[in-house]
Amino acid sequence: MKLYEIFEQDHCLIIISEILEGGDLLDRINKSDRFSEENAALIMFQLLSAIAYCHKRKIVHRDIKPENVVLLSNHVNTHIKLVDFGNAEDFKPEEIKTKVLGSVYFF
């Protein structure tokens, strides 16, 4: 997700980012009467590509779930963006991750 500007006011931050009109993946799945294998394959290809991009740069997301996959538009074959890197960490091959993170209902 592109971040354009951040403004700080007395008790809040105002964040200006790109508009992603398609909502998140969980909403799309719940609203669909039928989610085709072709659509699922397209989304998974993009999601796995995003994860591979992060891993090449030694970044571990640590909270991948449908709510953190955002669709650019409402079109069937839209592109996705992986968001919410609040639990992300640098990956160190010698370090074993043991801390449980993410949403409880996805474990």
Protein backbone atom coordinates (compact mmCIF):
# COMPACT_ATOMS: atom_id res chain seq x y z
CA MET A 1 0.00 0.00 0.00
CA LYS A 2 1.49 3.32 -0.99
CA LEU A 3 1.87 5.86 1.78
CA TYR A 4 1.76 9.43 0.50
CA GLU A 5 1.83 11.63 3.59
CA ILE A 6 1.56 11.63 7.38
CA PHE A 7 0.37 14.65 9.35
CA GLU A 8 0.61 14.88 13.11
CA GLN A 9 -2.00 16.86 15.03
CA ASP A 10 -2.54 17.33 18.76
CA HIS A 11 -3.85 13.85 19.58
CA CYS A 12 -3.86 11.99 16.29
CA LEU A 13 -2.04 11.09 13.11
CA ILE A 14 -3.57 11.66 9.70
CA ILE A 15 -2.35 9.13 7.15
CA ILE A 16 -2.81 9.70 3.41
CA SER A 17 -2.50 6.45 1.46
CA GLU A 18 -3.55 5.00 -1.86
CA ILE A 19 -7.21 4.06 -2.26
CA LEU A 20 -7.85 0.32 -2.33
CA GLU A 21 -11.51 -0.01 -3.27
CA GLY A 22 -11.86 -3.78 -3.26
CA GLY A 23 -11.92 -4.37 0.51
CA ASP A 24 -10.13 -7.29 2.07
CA LEU A 25 -10.03 -10.90 0.93
CA LEU A 26 -12.22 -12.19 3.77
CA ASP A 27 -15.03 -9.80 2.78
CA ARG A 28 -14.69 -10.88 -0.86
CA ILE A 29 -14.90 -14.57 0.09
CA ASN A 30 -17.89 -14.01 2.40
CA LYS A 31 -19.78 -11.97 -0.22
CA SER A 32 -19.16 -14.45 -3.04
CA ASP A 33 -21.71 -17.11 -3.79
CA ARG A 34 -18.96 -18.97 -5.57
CA PHE A 35 -15.22 -18.36 -5.40
CA SER A 36 -13.72 -20.00 -8.45
CA GLU A 37 -10.52 -22.01 -8.45
CA GLU A 38 -9.19 -19.64 -11.13
CA ASN A 39 -9.71 -16.59 -8.88
CA ALA A 40 -8.22 -18.40 -5.89
CA ALA A 41 -5.17 -19.41 -7.97
CA LEU A 42 -4.63 -15.82 -9.15
CA ILE A 43 -4.81 -14.48 -5.60
CA MET A 44 -2.54 -17.21 -4.23
CA PHE A 45 0.03 -16.58 -6.98
CA GLN A 46 0.12 -12.88 -6.08
CA LEU A 47 0.19 -13.59 -2.34
CA LEU A 48 3.03 -16.10 -2.62
CA SER A 49 4.92 -13.66 -4.87
CA ALA A 50 4.54 -10.94 -2.19
CA ILE A 51 5.77 -13.33 0.51
CA ALA A 52 8.75 -14.36 -1.63
CA TYR A 53 9.57 -10.67 -2.20
CA CYS A 54 9.57 -10.07 1.57
CA HIS A 55 11.63 -13.18 2.30
CA LYS A 56 14.27 -12.20 -0.27
CA ARG A 57 14.64 -8.98 1.70
CA LYS A 58 14.85 -10.93 5.00
CA ILE A 59 11.42 -9.75 6.24
CA VAL A 60 8.93 -12.10 7.93
CA HIS A 61 5.30 -10.85 7.93
CA ARG A 62 4.07 -13.05 10.84
CA ASP A 63 0.35 -12.24 10.46
CA ILE A 64 -0.81 -13.43 7.06
CA LYS A 65 -4.59 -13.83 7.03
CA PRO A 66 -7.42 -12.93 4.63
CA GLU A 67 -8.02 -9.58 6.37
CA ASN A 68 -4.43 -8.55 5.58
CA VAL A 69 -4.84 -9.22 1.87
CA VAL A 70 -6.44 -6.13 0.30
CA LEU A 71 -7.91 -5.97 -3.20
CA LEU A 72 -7.21 -2.94 -5.40
CA SER A 73 -10.69 -2.90 -6.95
CA ASN A 74 -14.01 -4.75 -7.00
CA HIS A 75 -13.19 -6.47 -10.31
CA VAL A 76 -12.98 -10.25 -10.30
CA ASN A 77 -9.37 -10.42 -11.52
CA THR A 78 -7.99 -7.53 -9.48
CA HIS A 79 -4.52 -7.27 -8.03
CA ILE A 80 -3.87 -7.61 -4.30
CA LYS A 81 -1.63 -5.98 -1.72
CA LEU A 82 -0.33 -7.59 1.47
CA VAL A 83 -0.78 -5.12 4.36
CA ASP A 84 -0.34 -4.80 8.14
CA PHE A 85 3.31 -5.37 8.82
CA GLY A 86 2.86 -4.54 12.53
CA ASN A 87 4.19 -7.96 13.60
CA ALA A 88 6.86 -8.14 10.88
CA GLU A 89 10.47 -8.74 11.85
CA ASP A 90 13.85 -9.02 10.23
CA PHE A 91 14.72 -12.62 9.49
CA LYS A 92 17.96 -13.94 10.91
CA PRO A 93 18.73 -17.52 9.80
CA GLU A 94 20.49 -18.35 13.09
CA GLU A 95 17.48 -17.21 15.14
CA ILE A 96 14.53 -19.52 15.77
CA LYS A 97 11.16 -17.77 16.07
CA THR A 98 9.22 -19.15 19.04
CA LYS A 99 6.85 -16.31 19.92
CA VAL A 100 3.24 -16.95 18.81
CA LEU A 101 1.81 -13.93 16.98
CA GLY A 102 -1.22 -13.14 14.88
CA SER A 103 -4.92 -13.75 15.31
CA VAL A 104 -6.04 -16.49 17.67
CA TYR A 105 -8.72 -17.88 15.34
CA PHE A 106 -6.11 -18.64 12.64
CA PHE A 107 -4.04 -21.04 14.78
